[in-house]
Amino acid sequence: MRHLLVVVESPTEDTRVEGIKVRKANEGARLRNLLNLAERGADFDALVERIDSAKQETVAVAEELARMPPGRVIGHAEIEARVDQLGEVVDGLSRAEADLRDFYEAVDLKMLYTAKERTVAVTICPLGRDNTGVRGGT
């Protein structure tokens, strides 16, 4: 199990977010420097284009950062707990032939019948009921 967990630790997203934050800070500093030059008497007309460019870049970087999905780091203990829960599901599946009720409880089966539309909505939660922090990929 431990050798599998090494693969999980990928700093790619964190590195990208940190890079964007650094760019944002750099552009903010550049904009402040240009405005300081203007305040100290530098030719403002000569700085206008550079200030506008810095503002646009600052806004673009802020928008890029806002579009980044919030990251969530899952620790080794949580991963091991999830694997254990999957083992319980496997146990439930192996007993399912003998007793479907145990299986339905193991996968947290929920069914909602709509009489008007004559449909049944079926959902399962195979990792148990305590997984509110886990998100699936799209």
C-alpha atoms as a PDB file:
ATOM      1  CA  MET A   1       0.000   0.000   0.000  1.00  0.00           C
ATOM      2  CA  ARG A   2       2.769   2.456   0.898  1.00  0.00           C
ATOM      3  CA  HIS A   3       4.450   2.196  -2.535  1.00  0.00           C
ATOM      4  CA  LEU A   4       1.138   3.095  -4.209  1.00  0.00           C
ATOM      5  CA  LEU A   5       0.755   6.244  -2.110  1.00  0.00           C
ATOM      6  CA  VAL A   6       3.969   7.729  -3.503  1.00  0.00           C
ATOM      7  CA  VAL A   7       2.279   8.133  -6.891  1.00  0.00           C
ATOM      8  CA  VAL A   8      -0.506  10.213  -5.326  1.00  0.00           C
ATOM      9  CA  GLU A   9       1.810  13.027  -4.273  1.00  0.00           C
ATOM     10  CA  SER A  10       1.913  15.127  -7.432  1.00  0.00           C
ATOM     11  CA  PRO A  11       2.710  18.822  -6.979  1.00  0.00           C
ATOM     12  CA  THR A  12       1.668  19.740 -10.527  1.00  0.00           C
ATOM     13  CA  GLU A  13      -1.496  21.718  -9.652  1.00  0.00           C
ATOM     14  CA  ASP A  14       0.088  23.302  -6.571  1.00  0.00           C
ATOM     15  CA  THR A  15       3.117  24.342  -8.611  1.00  0.00           C
ATOM     16  CA  ARG A  16       0.891  25.893 -11.263  1.00  0.00           C
ATOM     17  CA  VAL A  17      -1.155  27.835  -8.674  1.00  0.00           C
ATOM     18  CA  GLU A  18       2.014  29.051  -6.975  1.00  0.00           C
ATOM     19  CA  GLY A  19       3.416  30.185 -10.332  1.00  0.00           C
ATOM     20  CA  ILE A  20       0.256  32.172 -11.020  1.00  0.00           C
ATOM     21  CA  LYS A  21       0.424  33.757  -7.556  1.00  0.00           C
ATOM     22  CA  VAL A  22       4.050  34.764  -8.174  1.00  0.00           C
ATOM     23  CA  ARG A  23       3.107  36.299 -11.543  1.00  0.00           C
ATOM     24  CA  LYS A  24       0.268  38.193  -9.879  1.00  0.00           C
ATOM     25  CA  ALA A  25       2.581  39.552  -7.179  1.00  0.00           C
ATOM     26  CA  ASN A  26       5.202  40.512  -9.784  1.00  0.00           C
ATOM     27  CA  GLU A  27       2.647  42.362 -11.930  1.00  0.00           C
ATOM     28  CA  GLY A  28       1.290  44.139  -8.855  1.00  0.00           C
ATOM     29  CA  ALA A  29       4.801  45.247  -7.925  1.00  0.00           C
ATOM     30  CA  ARG A  30       5.454  46.382 -11.515  1.00  0.00           C
ATOM     31  CA  LEU A  31       2.267  48.449 -11.512  1.00  0.00           C
ATOM     32  CA  ARG A  32       3.144  50.050  -8.153  1.00  0.00           C
ATOM     33  CA  ASN A  33       6.636  50.902  -9.435  1.00  0.00           C
ATOM     34  CA  LEU A  34       5.231  52.568 -12.548  1.00  0.00           C
ATOM     35  CA  LEU A  35       2.738  54.572 -10.490  1.00  0.00           C
ATOM     36  CA  ASN A  36       5.537  55.608  -8.113  1.00  0.00           C
ATOM     37  CA  LEU A  37       7.562  56.847 -11.089  1.00  0.00           C
ATOM     38  CA  ALA A  38       4.591  58.912 -12.224  1.00  0.00           C
ATOM     39  CA  GLU A  39       4.171  60.366  -8.733  1.00  0.00           C
ATOM     40  CA  ARG A  40       7.854  61.343  -8.626  1.00  0.00           C
ATOM     41  CA  GLY A  41       7.511  63.417 -11.742  1.00  0.00           C
ATOM     42  CA  ALA A  42       8.352  61.051 -14.578  1.00  0.00           C
ATOM     43  CA  ASP A  43       6.650  61.825 -17.862  1.00  0.00           C
ATOM     44  CA  PHE A  44       3.193  60.357 -17.255  1.00  0.00           C
ATOM     45  CA  ASP A  45       2.313  60.239 -20.943  1.00  0.00           C
ATOM     46  CA  ALA A  46       5.329  58.015 -21.534  1.00  0.00           C
ATOM     47  CA  LEU A  47       4.210  55.698 -18.708  1.00  0.00           C
ATOM     48  CA  VAL A  48       0.521  55.422 -19.655  1.00  0.00           C
ATOM     49  CA  GLU A  49       0.972  52.563 -22.101  1.00  0.00           C
ATOM     50  CA  ARG A  50       3.181  50.631 -19.682  1.00  0.00           C
ATOM     51  CA  ILE A  51       0.727  51.221 -16.804  1.00  0.00           C
ATOM     52  CA  ASP A  52      -2.210  50.053 -18.936  1.00  0.00           C
ATOM     53  CA  SER A  53      -0.270  46.950 -19.953  1.00  0.00           C
ATOM     54  CA  ALA A  54       0.581  46.166 -16.323  1.00  0.00           C
ATOM     55  CA  LYS A  55      -3.068  46.632 -15.286  1.00  0.00           C
ATOM     56  CA  GLN A  56      -4.263  44.308 -18.044  1.00  0.00           C
ATOM     57  CA  GLU A  57      -1.723  41.656 -17.119  1.00  0.00           C
ATOM     58  CA  THR A  58      -2.665  41.935 -13.416  1.00  0.00           C
ATOM     59  CA  VAL A  59      -6.341  41.443 -14.264  1.00  0.00           C
ATOM     60  CA  ALA A  60      -5.553  38.506 -16.584  1.00  0.00           C
ATOM     61  CA  VAL A  61      -3.481  36.773 -13.928  1.00  0.00           C
ATOM     62  CA  ALA A  62      -6.178  37.338 -11.284  1.00  0.00           C
ATOM     63  CA  GLU A  63      -8.797  35.834 -13.620  1.00  0.00           C
ATOM     64  CA  GLU A  64      -6.575  32.837 -14.322  1.00  0.00           C
ATOM     65  CA  LEU A  65      -6.106  32.291 -10.590  1.00  0.00           C
ATOM     66  CA  ALA A  66      -9.865  32.566 -10.013  1.00  0.00           C
ATOM     67  CA  ARG A  67     -10.488  29.871 -12.643  1.00  0.00           C
ATOM     68  CA  MET A  68      -8.201  27.394 -10.903  1.00  0.00           C
ATOM     69  CA  PRO A  69     -10.173  24.727  -9.036  1.00  0.00           C
ATOM     70  CA  PRO A  70      -9.629  24.658  -5.312  1.00  0.00           C
ATOM     71  CA  GLY A  71      -7.158  21.942  -4.451  1.00  0.00           C
ATOM     72  CA  ARG A  72      -7.599  19.369  -1.763  1.00  0.00           C
ATOM     73  CA  VAL A  73      -4.716  17.312  -0.482  1.00  0.00           C
ATOM     74  CA  ILE A  74      -5.629  13.849   0.702  1.00  0.00           C
ATOM     75  CA  GLY A  75      -3.285  12.366   3.268  1.00  0.00           C
ATOM     76  CA  HIS A  76      -2.050   8.794   3.488  1.00  0.00           C
ATOM     77  CA  ALA A  77      -4.395   7.961   6.377  1.00  0.00           C
ATOM     78  CA  GLU A  78      -7.460   9.052   4.411  1.00  0.00           C
ATOM     79  CA  ILE A  79      -6.360   7.082   1.350  1.00  0.00           C
ATOM     80  CA  GLU A  80      -5.839   3.974   3.469  1.00  0.00           C
ATOM     81  CA  ALA A  81      -9.273   4.469   5.041  1.00  0.00           C
ATOM     82  CA  ARG A  82     -10.850   4.701   1.571  1.00  0.00           C
ATOM     83  CA  VAL A  83      -9.094   1.510   0.474  1.00  0.00           C
ATOM     84  CA  ASP A  84     -10.379  -0.214   3.623  1.00  0.00           C
ATOM     85  CA  GLN A  85     -13.900   0.992   2.778  1.00  0.00           C
ATOM     86  CA  LEU A  86     -13.523  -0.464  -0.710  1.00  0.00           C
ATOM     87  CA  GLY A  87     -12.555  -3.756   0.918  1.00  0.00           C
ATOM     88  CA  GLU A  88     -15.796  -3.631   2.879  1.00  0.00           C
ATOM     89  CA  VAL A  89     -17.696  -3.093  -0.375  1.00  0.00           C
ATOM     90  CA  VAL A  90     -15.977  -6.130  -1.873  1.00  0.00           C
ATOM     91  CA  ASP A  91     -16.992  -8.139   1.202  1.00  0.00           C
ATOM     92  CA  GLY A  92     -20.548  -6.887   0.753  1.00  0.00           C
ATOM     93  CA  LEU A  93     -20.501  -7.922  -2.897  1.00  0.00           C
ATOM     94  CA  SER A  94     -19.299 -11.419  -2.052  1.00  0.00           C
ATOM     95  CA  ARG A  95     -22.111 -11.839   0.484  1.00  0.00           C
ATOM     96  CA  ALA A  96     -24.691 -10.254  -1.851  1.00  0.00           C
ATOM     97  CA  GLU A  97     -25.788 -13.556  -3.313  1.00  0.00           C
ATOM     98  CA  ALA A  98     -26.726 -14.802   0.141  1.00  0.00           C
ATOM     99  CA  ASP A  99     -28.310 -11.635   1.488  1.00  0.00           C
ATOM    100  CA  LEU A 100     -29.153  -8.658  -0.726  1.00  0.00           C
ATOM    101  CA  ARG A 101     -29.967  -6.461   2.270  1.00  0.00           C
ATOM    102  CA  ASP A 102     -26.325  -6.511   3.400  1.00  0.00           C
ATOM    103  CA  PHE A 103     -25.278  -5.582  -0.117  1.00  0.00           C
ATOM    104  CA  TYR A 104     -27.736  -2.683  -0.313  1.00  0.00           C
ATOM    105  CA  GLU A 105     -26.488  -1.379   3.023  1.00  0.00           C
ATOM    106  CA  ALA A 106     -22.848  -1.810   1.962  1.00  0.00           C
ATOM    107  CA  VAL A 107     -23.348   0.369  -1.107  1.00  0.00           C
ATOM    108  CA  ASP A 108     -25.859   2.707   0.595  1.00  0.00           C
ATOM    109  CA  LEU A 109     -28.468   2.039  -2.098  1.00  0.00           C
ATOM    110  CA  LYS A 110     -31.233   4.634  -2.386  1.00  0.00           C
ATOM    111  CA  MET A 111     -34.190   4.417  -4.773  1.00  0.00           C
ATOM    112  CA  LEU A 112     -36.766   7.112  -5.419  1.00  0.00           C
ATOM    113  CA  TYR A 113     -39.893   6.192  -7.386  1.00  0.00           C
ATOM    114  CA  THR A 114     -41.809   8.964  -9.148  1.00  0.00           C
ATOM    115  CA  ALA A 115     -45.327   7.674  -9.863  1.00  0.00           C
ATOM    116  CA  LYS A 116     -46.322  10.444 -12.263  1.00  0.00           C
ATOM    117  CA  GLU A 117     -43.332   9.851 -14.555  1.00  0.00           C
ATOM    118  CA  ARG A 118     -43.136   6.146 -13.718  1.00  0.00           C
ATOM    119  CA  THR A 119     -39.381   6.392 -13.154  1.00  0.00           C
ATOM    120  CA  VAL A 120     -37.003   5.186 -10.479  1.00  0.00           C
ATOM    121  CA  ALA A 121     -33.899   7.191  -9.571  1.00  0.00           C
ATOM    122  CA  VAL A 122     -31.246   4.892  -8.120  1.00  0.00           C
ATOM    123  CA  THR A 123     -28.118   6.120  -6.334  1.00  0.00           C
ATOM    124  CA  ILE A 124     -25.350   4.346  -4.491  1.00  0.00           C
ATOM    125  CA  CYS A 125     -22.501   5.549  -2.344  1.00  0.00           C
ATOM    126  CA  PRO A 126     -20.012   2.666  -2.339  1.00  0.00           C
ATOM    127  CA  LEU A 127     -17.482   4.442  -0.132  1.00  0.00           C
ATOM    128  CA  GLY A 128     -19.901   4.866   2.752  1.00  0.00           C
ATOM    129  CA  ARG A 129     -21.805   7.782   4.084  1.00  0.00           C
ATOM    130  CA  ASP A 130     -18.832   9.779   5.358  1.00  0.00           C
ATOM    131  CA  ASN A 131     -17.286  11.019   2.115  1.00  0.00           C
ATOM    132  CA  THR A 132     -18.568  14.587   1.877  1.00  0.00           C
ATOM    133  CA  GLY A 133     -15.082  15.957   1.112  1.00  0.00           C
ATOM    134  CA  VAL A 134     -14.356  13.735  -1.883  1.00  0.00           C
ATOM    135  CA  ARG A 135     -15.146  15.078  -5.340  1.00  0.00           C
ATOM    136  CA  GLY A 136     -15.262  13.159  -8.557  1.00  0.00           C
ATOM    137  CA  GLY A 137     -13.603  14.252 -11.763  1.00  0.00           C
ATOM    138  CA  THR A 138     -15.557  15.627 -14.671  1.00  0.00           C
END
